[in-house]
PDB file of N, CA and C in Angstrom:
ATOM      1  N   MET A   1       0.760 -35.232 -16.373  1.00  0.00           N
ATOM      2  CA  MET A   1       2.134 -34.902 -16.705  1.00  0.00           C
ATOM      3  C   MET A   1       2.646 -33.743 -15.859  1.00  0.00           C
ATOM      4  N   SER A   2       1.747 -32.919 -15.356  1.00  0.00           N
ATOM      5  CA  SER A   2       2.214 -31.761 -14.605  1.00  0.00           C
ATOM      6  C   SER A   2       2.820 -32.149 -13.264  1.00  0.00           C
ATOM      7  N   PHE A   3       2.506 -33.353 -12.758  1.00  0.00           N
ATOM      8  CA  PHE A   3       3.153 -33.796 -11.524  1.00  0.00           C
ATOM      9  C   PHE A   3       4.638 -34.058 -11.754  1.00  0.00           C
ATOM     10  N   ILE A   4       4.988 -34.488 -12.951  1.00  0.00           N
ATOM     11  CA  ILE A   4       6.396 -34.723 -13.282  1.00  0.00           C
ATOM     12  C   ILE A   4       7.156 -33.401 -13.319  1.00  0.00           C
ATOM     13  N   ALA A   5       6.499 -32.310 -13.673  1.00  0.00           N
ATOM     14  CA  ALA A   5       7.166 -31.007 -13.760  1.00  0.00           C
ATOM     15  C   ALA A   5       7.582 -30.485 -12.399  1.00  0.00           C
ATOM     16  N   ILE A   6       6.969 -30.994 -11.336  1.00  0.00           N
ATOM     17  CA  ILE A   6       7.332 -30.544  -9.994  1.00  0.00           C
ATOM     18  C   ILE A   6       8.743 -31.002  -9.639  1.00  0.00           C
ATOM     19  N   ILE A   7       9.143 -32.164 -10.113  1.00  0.00           N
ATOM     20  CA  ILE A   7      10.446 -32.729  -9.730  1.00  0.00           C
ATOM     21  C   ILE A   7      11.611 -31.857 -10.200  1.00  0.00           C
ATOM     22  N   PRO A   8      11.718 -31.485 -11.494  1.00  0.00           N
ATOM     23  CA  PRO A   8      12.860 -30.642 -11.863  1.00  0.00           C
ATOM     24  C   PRO A   8      12.824 -29.256 -11.223  1.00  0.00           C
ATOM     25  N   LEU A   9      11.619 -28.737 -10.961  1.00  0.00           N
ATOM     26  CA  LEU A   9      11.539 -27.427 -10.317  1.00  0.00           C
ATOM     27  C   LEU A   9      11.984 -27.506  -8.861  1.00  0.00           C
ATOM     28  N   TRP A  10      11.634 -28.587  -8.183  1.00  0.00           N
ATOM     29  CA  TRP A  10      12.107 -28.788  -6.808  1.00  0.00           C
ATOM     30  C   TRP A  10      13.628 -28.940  -6.797  1.00  0.00           C
ATOM     31  N   LEU A  11      14.155 -29.730  -7.730  1.00  0.00           N
ATOM     32  CA  LEU A  11      15.607 -29.920  -7.797  1.00  0.00           C
ATOM     33  C   LEU A  11      16.318 -28.629  -8.192  1.00  0.00           C
ATOM     34  N   ALA A  12      15.664 -27.779  -8.978  1.00  0.00           N
ATOM     35  CA  ALA A  12      16.249 -26.477  -9.314  1.00  0.00           C
ATOM     36  C   ALA A  12      16.373 -25.614  -8.071  1.00  0.00           C
ATOM     37  N   ALA A  13      15.340 -25.607  -7.249  1.00  0.00           N
ATOM     38  CA  ALA A  13      15.403 -24.841  -6.002  1.00  0.00           C
ATOM     39  C   ALA A  13      16.457 -25.422  -5.068  1.00  0.00           C
ATOM     40  N   LEU A  14      16.559 -26.743  -5.032  1.00  0.00           N
ATOM     41  CA  LEU A  14      17.557 -27.390  -4.181  1.00  0.00           C
ATOM     42  C   LEU A  14      18.972 -27.082  -4.662  1.00  0.00           C
ATOM     43  N   SER A  15      19.198 -27.086  -5.968  1.00  0.00           N
ATOM     44  CA  SER A  15      20.538 -26.776  -6.467  1.00  0.00           C
ATOM     45  C   SER A  15      20.896 -25.312  -6.232  1.00  0.00           C
ATOM     46  N   LEU A  16      19.907 -24.436  -6.305  1.00  0.00           N
ATOM     47  CA  LEU A  16      20.162 -23.031  -5.988  1.00  0.00           C
ATOM     48  C   LEU A  16      20.532 -22.877  -4.519  1.00  0.00           C
ATOM     49  N   TYR A  17      19.875 -23.637  -3.654  1.00  0.00           N
ATOM     50  CA  TYR A  17      20.199 -23.600  -2.227  1.00  0.00           C
ATOM     51  C   TYR A  17      21.591 -24.182  -1.978  1.00  0.00           C
ATOM     52  N   LEU A  18      21.948 -25.250  -2.691  1.00  0.00           N
ATOM     53  CA  LEU A  18      23.258 -25.874  -2.491  1.00  0.00           C
ATOM     54  C   LEU A  18      24.398 -24.980  -2.961  1.00  0.00           C
ATOM     55  N   GLY A  19      24.111 -23.981  -3.759  1.00  0.00           N
ATOM     56  CA  GLY A  19      25.125 -23.020  -4.176  1.00  0.00           C
ATOM     57  C   GLY A  19      25.366 -21.920  -3.164  1.00  0.00           C
ATOM     58  N   SER A  20      24.554 -21.891  -2.110  1.00  0.00           N
ATOM     59  CA  SER A  20      24.696 -20.862  -1.087  1.00  0.00           C
ATOM     60  C   SER A  20      25.810 -21.229  -0.110  1.00  0.00           C
ATOM     61  N   GLU A  21      26.501 -20.220   0.381  1.00  0.00           N
ATOM     62  CA  GLU A  21      27.564 -20.460   1.361  1.00  0.00           C
ATOM     63  C   GLU A  21      27.000 -20.861   2.721  1.00  0.00           C
ATOM     64  N   ARG A  22      25.767 -20.520   2.993  1.00  0.00           N
ATOM     65  CA  ARG A  22      25.171 -20.791   4.304  1.00  0.00           C
ATOM     66  C   ARG A  22      24.378 -22.089   4.356  1.00  0.00           C
ATOM     67  N   GLN A  23      24.389 -22.859   3.299  1.00  0.00           N
ATOM     68  CA  GLN A  23      23.661 -24.120   3.318  1.00  0.00           C
ATOM     69  C   GLN A  23      24.350 -25.096   4.262  1.00  0.00           C
ATOM     70  N   ASN A  24      23.582 -26.049   4.783  1.00  0.00           N
ATOM     71  CA  ASN A  24      24.151 -27.005   5.722  1.00  0.00           C
ATOM     72  C   ASN A  24      23.876 -28.452   5.341  1.00  0.00           C
ATOM     73  N   LEU A  25      23.542 -28.705   4.087  1.00  0.00           N
ATOM     74  CA  LEU A  25      23.258 -30.069   3.667  1.00  0.00           C
ATOM     75  C   LEU A  25      24.505 -30.826   3.240  1.00  0.00           C
ATOM     76  N   ILE A  26      25.431 -30.148   2.592  1.00  0.00           N
ATOM     77  CA  ILE A  26      26.682 -30.780   2.171  1.00  0.00           C
ATOM     78  C   ILE A  26      27.841 -29.990   2.758  1.00  0.00           C
ATOM     79  N   SER A  27      29.011 -30.599   2.793  1.00  0.00           N
ATOM     80  CA  SER A  27      30.142 -29.950   3.469  1.00  0.00           C
ATOM     81  C   SER A  27      30.629 -28.707   2.728  1.00  0.00           C
ATOM     82  N   ASN A  28      30.749 -28.771   1.428  1.00  0.00           N
ATOM     83  CA  ASN A  28      31.188 -27.616   0.629  1.00  0.00           C
ATOM     84  C   ASN A  28      30.068 -27.201  -0.312  1.00  0.00           C
ATOM     85  N   ALA A  29      29.865 -25.906  -0.426  1.00  0.00           N
ATOM     86  CA  ALA A  29      28.828 -25.402  -1.330  1.00  0.00           C
ATOM     87  C   ALA A  29      29.240 -25.636  -2.776  1.00  0.00           C
ATOM     88  N   TRP A  30      28.236 -25.797  -3.634  1.00  0.00           N
ATOM     89  CA  TRP A  30      28.510 -25.902  -5.063  1.00  0.00           C
ATOM     90  C   TRP A  30      29.036 -24.565  -5.562  1.00  0.00           C
ATOM     91  N   PRO A  31      29.833 -24.577  -6.624  1.00  0.00           N
ATOM     92  CA  PRO A  31      30.213 -23.297  -7.238  1.00  0.00           C
ATOM     93  C   PRO A  31      28.962 -22.576  -7.759  1.00  0.00           C
ATOM     94  N   LYS A  32      28.976 -21.267  -7.642  1.00  0.00           N
ATOM     95  CA  LYS A  32      27.790 -20.486  -8.024  1.00  0.00           C
ATOM     96  C   LYS A  32      27.427 -20.679  -9.498  1.00  0.00           C
ATOM     97  N   SER A  33      28.433 -20.820 -10.347  1.00  0.00           N
ATOM     98  CA  SER A  33      28.138 -20.999 -11.771  1.00  0.00           C
ATOM     99  C   SER A  33      27.451 -22.340 -12.021  1.00  0.00           C
ATOM    100  N   LEU A  34      27.895 -23.401 -11.342  1.00  0.00           N
ATOM    101  CA  LEU A  34      27.266 -24.709 -11.496  1.00  0.00           C
ATOM    102  C   LEU A  34      25.842 -24.694 -10.948  1.00  0.00           C
ATOM    103  N   ALA A  35      25.656 -24.072  -9.796  1.00  0.00           N
ATOM    104  CA  ALA A  35      24.319 -23.996  -9.200  1.00  0.00           C
ATOM    105  C   ALA A  35      23.372 -23.186 -10.086  1.00  0.00           C
ATOM    106  N   GLY A  36      23.840 -22.067 -10.607  1.00  0.00           N
ATOM    107  CA  GLY A  36      23.001 -21.245 -11.474  1.00  0.00           C
ATOM    108  C   GLY A  36      22.670 -21.929 -12.786  1.00  0.00           C
ATOM    109  N   PHE A  37      23.662 -22.600 -13.376  1.00  0.00           N
ATOM    110  CA  PHE A  37      23.444 -23.288 -14.646  1.00  0.00           C
ATOM    111  C   PHE A  37      22.479 -24.456 -14.477  1.00  0.00           C
ATOM    112  N   SER A  38      22.663 -25.248 -13.416  1.00  0.00           N
ATOM    113  CA  SER A  38      21.760 -26.382 -13.205  1.00  0.00           C
ATOM    114  C   SER A  38      20.352 -25.902 -12.864  1.00  0.00           C
ATOM    115  N   THR A  39      20.241 -24.796 -12.133  1.00  0.00           N
ATOM    116  CA  THR A  39      18.926 -24.237 -11.839  1.00  0.00           C
ATOM    117  C   THR A  39      18.233 -23.793 -13.121  1.00  0.00           C
ATOM    118  N   LEU A  40      18.966 -23.126 -13.989  1.00  0.00           N
ATOM    119  CA  LEU A  40      18.392 -22.667 -15.252  1.00  0.00           C
ATOM    120  C   LEU A  40      17.933 -23.840 -16.116  1.00  0.00           C
ATOM    121  N   LEU A  41      18.773 -24.869 -16.234  1.00  0.00           N
ATOM    122  CA  LEU A  41      18.400 -26.028 -17.047  1.00  0.00           C
ATOM    123  C   LEU A  41      17.185 -26.752 -16.479  1.00  0.00           C
ATOM    124  N   LEU A  42      17.160 -26.947 -15.164  1.00  0.00           N
ATOM    125  CA  LEU A  42      16.030 -27.641 -14.552  1.00  0.00           C
ATOM    126  C   LEU A  42      14.753 -26.808 -14.620  1.00  0.00           C
ATOM    127  N   PHE A  43      14.882 -25.494 -14.513  1.00  0.00           N
ATOM    128  CA  PHE A  43      13.710 -24.622 -14.636  1.00  0.00           C
ATOM    129  C   PHE A  43      13.140 -24.690 -16.051  1.00  0.00           C
ATOM    130  N   ILE A  44      14.005 -24.659 -17.048  1.00  0.00           N
ATOM    131  CA  ILE A  44      13.545 -24.773 -18.440  1.00  0.00           C
ATOM    132  C   ILE A  44      12.912 -26.137 -18.682  1.00  0.00           C
ATOM    133  N   LEU A  45      13.493 -27.183 -18.097  1.00  0.00           N
ATOM    134  CA  LEU A  45      12.904 -28.517 -18.218  1.00  0.00           C
ATOM    135  C   LEU A  45      11.513 -28.556 -17.590  1.00  0.00           C
ATOM    136  N   GLY A  46      11.344 -27.907 -16.450  1.00  0.00           N
ATOM    137  CA  GLY A  46      10.025 -27.835 -15.824  1.00  0.00           C
ATOM    138  C   GLY A  46       9.019 -27.110 -16.698  1.00  0.00           C
ATOM    139  N   ILE A  47       9.443 -26.030 -17.343  1.00  0.00           N
ATOM    140  CA  ILE A  47       8.548 -25.299 -18.251  1.00  0.00           C
ATOM    141  C   ILE A  47       8.155 -26.181 -19.430  1.00  0.00           C
ATOM    142  N   VAL A  48       9.123 -26.901 -19.982  1.00  0.00           N
ATOM    143  CA  VAL A  48       8.834 -27.770 -21.129  1.00  0.00           C
ATOM    144  C   VAL A  48       7.853 -28.872 -20.739  1.00  0.00           C
ATOM    145  N   VAL A  49       8.055 -29.462 -19.567  1.00  0.00           N
ATOM    146  CA  VAL A  49       7.140 -30.525 -19.139  1.00  0.00           C
ATOM    147  C   VAL A  49       5.745 -29.967 -18.864  1.00  0.00           C
ATOM    148  N   PHE A  50       5.657 -28.786 -18.254  1.00  0.00           N
ATOM    149  CA  PHE A  50       4.348 -28.152 -18.070  1.00  0.00           C
ATOM    150  C   PHE A  50       3.696 -27.840 -19.413  1.00  0.00           C
ATOM    151  N   SER A  51       4.500 -27.529 -20.430  1.00  0.00           N
ATOM    152  CA  SER A  51       3.933 -27.145 -21.727  1.00  0.00           C
ATOM    153  C   SER A  51       3.296 -28.321 -22.459  1.00  0.00           C
ATOM    154  N   PHE A  52       3.525 -29.549 -21.999  1.00  0.00           N
ATOM    155  CA  PHE A  52       2.832 -30.690 -22.602  1.00  0.00           C
ATOM    156  C   PHE A  52       1.331 -30.636 -22.310  1.00  0.00           C
ATOM    157  N   ASP A  53       0.962 -30.035 -21.181  1.00  0.00           N
ATOM    158  CA  ASP A  53      -0.447 -29.963 -20.788  1.00  0.00           C
ATOM    159  C   ASP A  53      -1.060 -28.580 -20.953  1.00  0.00           C
ATOM    160  N   TYR A  54      -0.250 -27.540 -20.902  1.00  0.00           N
ATOM    161  CA  TYR A  54      -0.757 -26.168 -20.894  1.00  0.00           C
ATOM    162  C   TYR A  54      -0.074 -25.359 -21.994  1.00  0.00           C
ATOM    163  N   PRO A  55      -0.658 -24.220 -22.384  1.00  0.00           N
ATOM    164  CA  PRO A  55       0.027 -23.319 -23.321  1.00  0.00           C
ATOM    165  C   PRO A  55       1.312 -22.763 -22.693  1.00  0.00           C
ATOM    166  N   TRP A  56       2.173 -22.185 -23.527  1.00  0.00           N
ATOM    167  CA  TRP A  56       3.497 -21.754 -23.065  1.00  0.00           C
ATOM    168  C   TRP A  56       3.436 -20.727 -21.948  1.00  0.00           C
ATOM    169  N   VAL A  57       2.594 -19.722 -22.095  1.00  0.00           N
ATOM    170  CA  VAL A  57       2.533 -18.670 -21.071  1.00  0.00           C
ATOM    171  C   VAL A  57       2.029 -19.245 -19.754  1.00  0.00           C
ATOM    172  N   SER A  58       1.024 -20.094 -19.826  1.00  0.00           N
ATOM    173  CA  SER A  58       0.512 -20.728 -18.608  1.00  0.00           C
ATOM    174  C   SER A  58       1.551 -21.643 -17.985  1.00  0.00           C
ATOM    175  N   SER A  59       2.307 -22.342 -18.810  1.00  0.00           N
ATOM    176  CA  SER A  59       3.333 -23.234 -18.262  1.00  0.00           C
ATOM    177  C   SER A  59       4.464 -22.442 -17.617  1.00  0.00           C
ATOM    178  N   MET A  60       4.794 -21.281 -18.182  1.00  0.00           N
ATOM    179  CA  MET A  60       5.822 -20.445 -17.553  1.00  0.00           C
ATOM    180  C   MET A  60       5.346 -19.899 -16.211  1.00  0.00           C
ATOM    181  N   LEU A  61       4.100 -19.468 -16.148  1.00  0.00           N
ATOM    182  CA  LEU A  61       3.554 -18.966 -14.885  1.00  0.00           C
ATOM    183  C   LEU A  61       3.445 -20.080 -13.850  1.00  0.00           C
ATOM    184  N   ALA A  62       2.999 -21.254 -14.270  1.00  0.00           N
ATOM    185  CA  ALA A  62       2.895 -22.383 -13.341  1.00  0.00           C
ATOM    186  C   ALA A  62       4.273 -22.788 -12.834  1.00  0.00           C
ATOM    187  N   ALA A  63       5.264 -22.802 -13.722  1.00  0.00           N
ATOM    188  CA  ALA A  63       6.623 -23.150 -13.307  1.00  0.00           C
ATOM    189  C   ALA A  63       7.172 -22.122 -12.329  1.00  0.00           C
ATOM    190  N   LEU A  64       6.881 -20.856 -12.557  1.00  0.00           N
ATOM    191  CA  LEU A  64       7.343 -19.811 -11.645  1.00  0.00           C
ATOM    192  C   LEU A  64       6.718 -19.962 -10.259  1.00  0.00           C
ATOM    193  N   VAL A  65       5.427 -20.256 -10.216  1.00  0.00           N
ATOM    194  CA  VAL A  65       4.742 -20.427  -8.930  1.00  0.00           C
ATOM    195  C   VAL A  65       5.281 -21.648  -8.191  1.00  0.00           C
ATOM    196  N   VAL A  66       5.440 -22.763  -8.884  1.00  0.00           N
ATOM    197  CA  VAL A  66       5.963 -23.977  -8.242  1.00  0.00           C
ATOM    198  C   VAL A  66       7.404 -23.762  -7.801  1.00  0.00           C
ATOM    199  N   PHE A  67       8.192 -23.047  -8.584  1.00  0.00           N
ATOM    200  CA  PHE A  67       9.583 -22.779  -8.217  1.00  0.00           C
ATOM    201  C   PHE A  67       9.663 -21.904  -6.970  1.00  0.00           C
ATOM    202  N   MET A  68       8.811 -20.882  -6.889  1.00  0.00           N
ATOM    203  CA  MET A  68       8.820 -20.023  -5.698  1.00  0.00           C
ATOM    204  C   MET A  68       8.398 -20.807  -4.463  1.00  0.00           C
ATOM    205  N   LEU A  69       7.407 -21.672  -4.600  1.00  0.00           N
ATOM    206  CA  LEU A  69       6.998 -22.515  -3.481  1.00  0.00           C
ATOM    207  C   LEU A  69       8.116 -23.482  -3.103  1.00  0.00           C
ATOM    208  N   SER A  70       8.813 -24.001  -4.095  1.00  0.00           N
ATOM    209  CA  SER A  70       9.926 -24.915  -3.820  1.00  0.00           C
ATOM    210  C   SER A  70      11.065 -24.202  -3.108  1.00  0.00           C
ATOM    211  N   LEU A  71      11.366 -22.971  -3.508  1.00  0.00           N
ATOM    212  CA  LEU A  71      12.408 -22.212  -2.812  1.00  0.00           C
ATOM    213  C   LEU A  71      12.065 -22.029  -1.342  1.00  0.00           C
ATOM    214  N   PHE A  72      10.821 -21.678  -1.078  1.00  0.00           N
ATOM    215  CA  PHE A  72      10.374 -21.493   0.299  1.00  0.00           C
ATOM    216  C   PHE A  72      10.469 -22.803   1.079  1.00  0.00           C
ATOM    217  N   THR A  73      10.013 -23.894   0.477  1.00  0.00           N
ATOM    218  CA  THR A  73      10.003 -25.182   1.164  1.00  0.00           C
ATOM    219  C   THR A  73      11.414 -25.705   1.393  1.00  0.00           C
ATOM    220  N   VAL A  74      12.299 -25.553   0.424  1.00  0.00           N
ATOM    221  CA  VAL A  74      13.684 -25.995   0.599  1.00  0.00           C
ATOM    222  C   VAL A  74      14.356 -25.192   1.700  1.00  0.00           C
ATOM    223  N   THR A  75      14.116 -23.900   1.731  1.00  0.00           N
ATOM    224  CA  THR A  75      14.724 -23.059   2.762  1.00  0.00           C
ATOM    225  C   THR A  75      14.221 -23.433   4.149  1.00  0.00           C
ATOM    226  N   ILE A  76      12.931 -23.676   4.289  1.00  0.00           N
ATOM    227  CA  ILE A  76      12.372 -24.050   5.587  1.00  0.00           C
ATOM    228  C   ILE A  76      12.843 -25.441   5.999  1.00  0.00           C
ATOM    229  N   SER A  77      12.804 -26.401   5.085  1.00  0.00           N
ATOM    230  CA  SER A  77      13.175 -27.771   5.453  1.00  0.00           C
ATOM    231  C   SER A  77      14.660 -27.915   5.719  1.00  0.00           C
ATOM    232  N   SER A  78      15.480 -27.035   5.178  1.00  0.00           N
ATOM    233  CA  SER A  78      16.922 -27.145   5.415  1.00  0.00           C
ATOM    234  C   SER A  78      17.304 -26.706   6.821  1.00  0.00           C
ATOM    235  N   GLY A  79      16.398 -26.044   7.520  1.00  0.00           N
ATOM    236  CA  GLY A  79      16.660 -25.691   8.907  1.00  0.00           C
ATOM    237  C   GLY A  79      16.636 -26.899   9.820  1.00  0.00           C
ATOM    238  N   TYR A  80      16.051 -27.982   9.353  1.00  0.00           N
ATOM    239  CA  TYR A  80      16.011 -29.220  10.113  1.00  0.00           C
ATOM    240  C   TYR A  80      17.238 -30.053   9.771  1.00  0.00           C
ATOM    241  N   SER A  81      17.240 -31.287  10.150  1.00  0.00           N
ATOM    242  CA  SER A  81      18.407 -32.134   9.908  1.00  0.00           C
ATOM    243  C   SER A  81      18.552 -32.457   8.419  1.00  0.00           C
ATOM    244  N   LYS A  82      19.748 -32.890   8.058  1.00  0.00           N
ATOM    245  CA  LYS A  82      20.023 -33.242   6.667  1.00  0.00           C
ATOM    246  C   LYS A  82      19.156 -34.418   6.235  1.00  0.00           C
ATOM    247  N   MET A  83      18.960 -35.373   7.131  1.00  0.00           N
ATOM    248  CA  MET A  83      18.170 -36.553   6.801  1.00  0.00           C
ATOM    249  C   MET A  83      16.713 -36.180   6.508  1.00  0.00           C
ATOM    250  N   ARG A  84      16.170 -35.230   7.257  1.00  0.00           N
ATOM    251  CA  ARG A  84      14.785 -34.821   7.033  1.00  0.00           C
ATOM    252  C   ARG A  84      14.641 -34.143   5.674  1.00  0.00           C
ATOM    253  N   THR A  85      15.589 -33.319   5.299  1.00  0.00           N
ATOM    254  CA  THR A  85      15.515 -32.646   3.999  1.00  0.00           C
ATOM    255  C   THR A  85      15.599 -33.655   2.862  1.00  0.00           C
ATOM    256  N   LEU A  86      16.491 -34.626   2.984  1.00  0.00           N
ATOM    257  CA  LEU A  86      16.601 -35.652   1.946  1.00  0.00           C
ATOM    258  C   LEU A  86      15.348 -36.522   1.902  1.00  0.00           C
ATOM    259  N   THR A  87      14.752 -36.788   3.057  1.00  0.00           N
ATOM    260  CA  THR A  87      13.511 -37.562   3.101  1.00  0.00           C
ATOM    261  C   THR A  87      12.370 -36.798   2.443  1.00  0.00           C
ATOM    262  N   ILE A  88      12.284 -35.505   2.697  1.00  0.00           N
ATOM    263  CA  ILE A  88      11.243 -34.682   2.069  1.00  0.00           C
ATOM    264  C   ILE A  88      11.434 -34.657   0.554  1.00  0.00           C
ATOM    265  N   THR A  89      12.685 -34.545   0.098  1.00  0.00           N
ATOM    266  CA  THR A  89      12.958 -34.537  -1.340  1.00  0.00           C
ATOM    267  C   THR A  89      12.572 -35.864  -1.981  1.00  0.00           C
ATOM    268  N   ALA A  90      12.955 -36.967  -1.353  1.00  0.00           N
ATOM    269  CA  ALA A  90      12.608 -38.283  -1.895  1.00  0.00           C
ATOM    270  C   ALA A  90      11.099 -38.503  -1.882  1.00  0.00           C
ATOM    271  N   ALA A  91      10.430 -38.089  -0.809  1.00  0.00           N
ATOM    272  CA  ALA A  91       8.977 -38.256  -0.726  1.00  0.00           C
ATOM    273  C   ALA A  91       8.266 -37.434  -1.795  1.00  0.00           C
ATOM    274  N   LEU A  92       8.747 -36.228  -2.054  1.00  0.00           N
ATOM    275  CA  LEU A  92       8.142 -35.393  -3.087  1.00  0.00           C
ATOM    276  C   LEU A  92       8.287 -36.040  -4.458  1.00  0.00           C
ATOM    277  N   CYS A  93       9.460 -36.581  -4.747  1.00  0.00           N
ATOM    278  CA  CYS A  93       9.683 -37.224  -6.048  1.00  0.00           C
ATOM    279  C   CYS A  93       8.807 -38.464  -6.208  1.00  0.00           C
ATOM    280  N   VAL A  94       8.743 -39.305  -5.162  1.00  0.00           N
ATOM    281  CA  VAL A  94       7.928 -40.522  -5.237  1.00  0.00           C
ATOM    282  C   VAL A  94       6.447 -40.174  -5.341  1.00  0.00           C
ATOM    283  N   LEU A  95       5.999 -39.187  -4.574  1.00  0.00           N
ATOM    284  CA  LEU A  95       4.600 -38.782  -4.622  1.00  0.00           C
ATOM    285  C   LEU A  95       4.235 -38.217  -5.994  1.00  0.00           C
ATOM    286  N   SER A  96       5.106 -37.407  -6.565  1.00  0.00           N
ATOM    287  CA  SER A  96       4.841 -36.854  -7.901  1.00  0.00           C
ATOM    288  C   SER A  96       4.793 -37.949  -8.953  1.00  0.00           C
ATOM    289  N   LEU A  97       5.721 -38.895  -8.860  1.00  0.00           N
ATOM    290  CA  LEU A  97       5.721 -39.996  -9.823  1.00  0.00           C
ATOM    291  C   LEU A  97       4.495 -40.884  -9.663  1.00  0.00           C
ATOM    292  N   SER A  98       4.055 -41.122  -8.426  1.00  0.00           N
ATOM    293  CA  SER A  98       2.874 -41.964  -8.228  1.00  0.00           C
ATOM    294  C   SER A  98       1.606 -41.259  -8.709  1.00  0.00           C
ATOM    295  N   PHE A  99       1.484 -39.947  -8.472  1.00  0.00           N
ATOM    296  CA  PHE A  99       0.333 -39.215  -8.999  1.00  0.00           C
ATOM    297  C   PHE A  99       0.347 -39.205 -10.522  1.00  0.00           C
ATOM    298  N   TRP A 100       1.535 -39.068 -11.103  1.00  0.00           N
ATOM    299  CA  TRP A 100       1.634 -39.089 -12.558  1.00  0.00           C
ATOM    300  C   TRP A 100       1.223 -40.458 -13.088  1.00  0.00           C
ATOM    301  N   GLY A 101       1.680 -41.518 -12.423  1.00  0.00           N
ATOM    302  CA  GLY A 101       1.312 -42.867 -12.850  1.00  0.00           C
ATOM    303  C   GLY A 101      -0.179 -43.116 -12.727  1.00  0.00           C
ATOM    304  N   ALA A 102      -0.780 -42.641 -11.644  1.00  0.00           N
ATOM    305  CA  ALA A 102      -2.220 -42.829 -11.456  1.00  0.00           C
ATOM    306  C   ALA A 102      -3.015 -42.037 -12.489  1.00  0.00           C
ATOM    307  N   SER A 103      -2.576 -40.832 -12.813  1.00  0.00           N
ATOM    308  CA  SER A 103      -3.302 -40.047 -13.811  1.00  0.00           C
ATOM    309  C   SER A 103      -3.081 -40.599 -15.214  1.00  0.00           C
ATOM    310  N   TYR A 104      -1.941 -41.242 -15.443  1.00  0.00           N
ATOM    311  CA  TYR A 104      -1.669 -41.834 -16.754  1.00  0.00           C
ATOM    312  C   TYR A 104      -2.542 -43.066 -16.970  1.00  0.00           C
ATOM    313  N   VAL A 105      -2.721 -43.862 -15.920  1.00  0.00           N
ATOM    314  CA  VAL A 105      -3.522 -45.080 -16.025  1.00  0.00           C
ATOM    315  C   VAL A 105      -5.007 -44.743 -16.109  1.00  0.00           C
ATOM    316  N   ALA A 106      -5.428 -43.758 -15.336  1.00  0.00           N
ATOM    317  CA  ALA A 106      -6.862 -43.419 -15.290  1.00  0.00           C
ATOM    318  C   ALA A 106      -7.257 -42.643 -16.485  1.00  0.00           C
TER     319      ALA A 106
END
């Protein structure tokens, strides 16, 4: 189940990046309030999903570590083309879902 928690945390980092004025993935940046609110909701969702497997404090720490790694990765990948960033995002989601499916079956 913890592979599923990576997806909302990655999307939280991506929405925080899309709220920046210097982002280059979309033509207009998201409003800061929308970006902050969606980041908060997705971060809490990631903590809740992590808490299915781990205690609350451990799930909060794991979510924080994954979120910080996601912020770094989104920032680095956004320096490349828009298509590459979207491909990395889609690949991360598919890979997380496939690992979750394999661990659920096994």
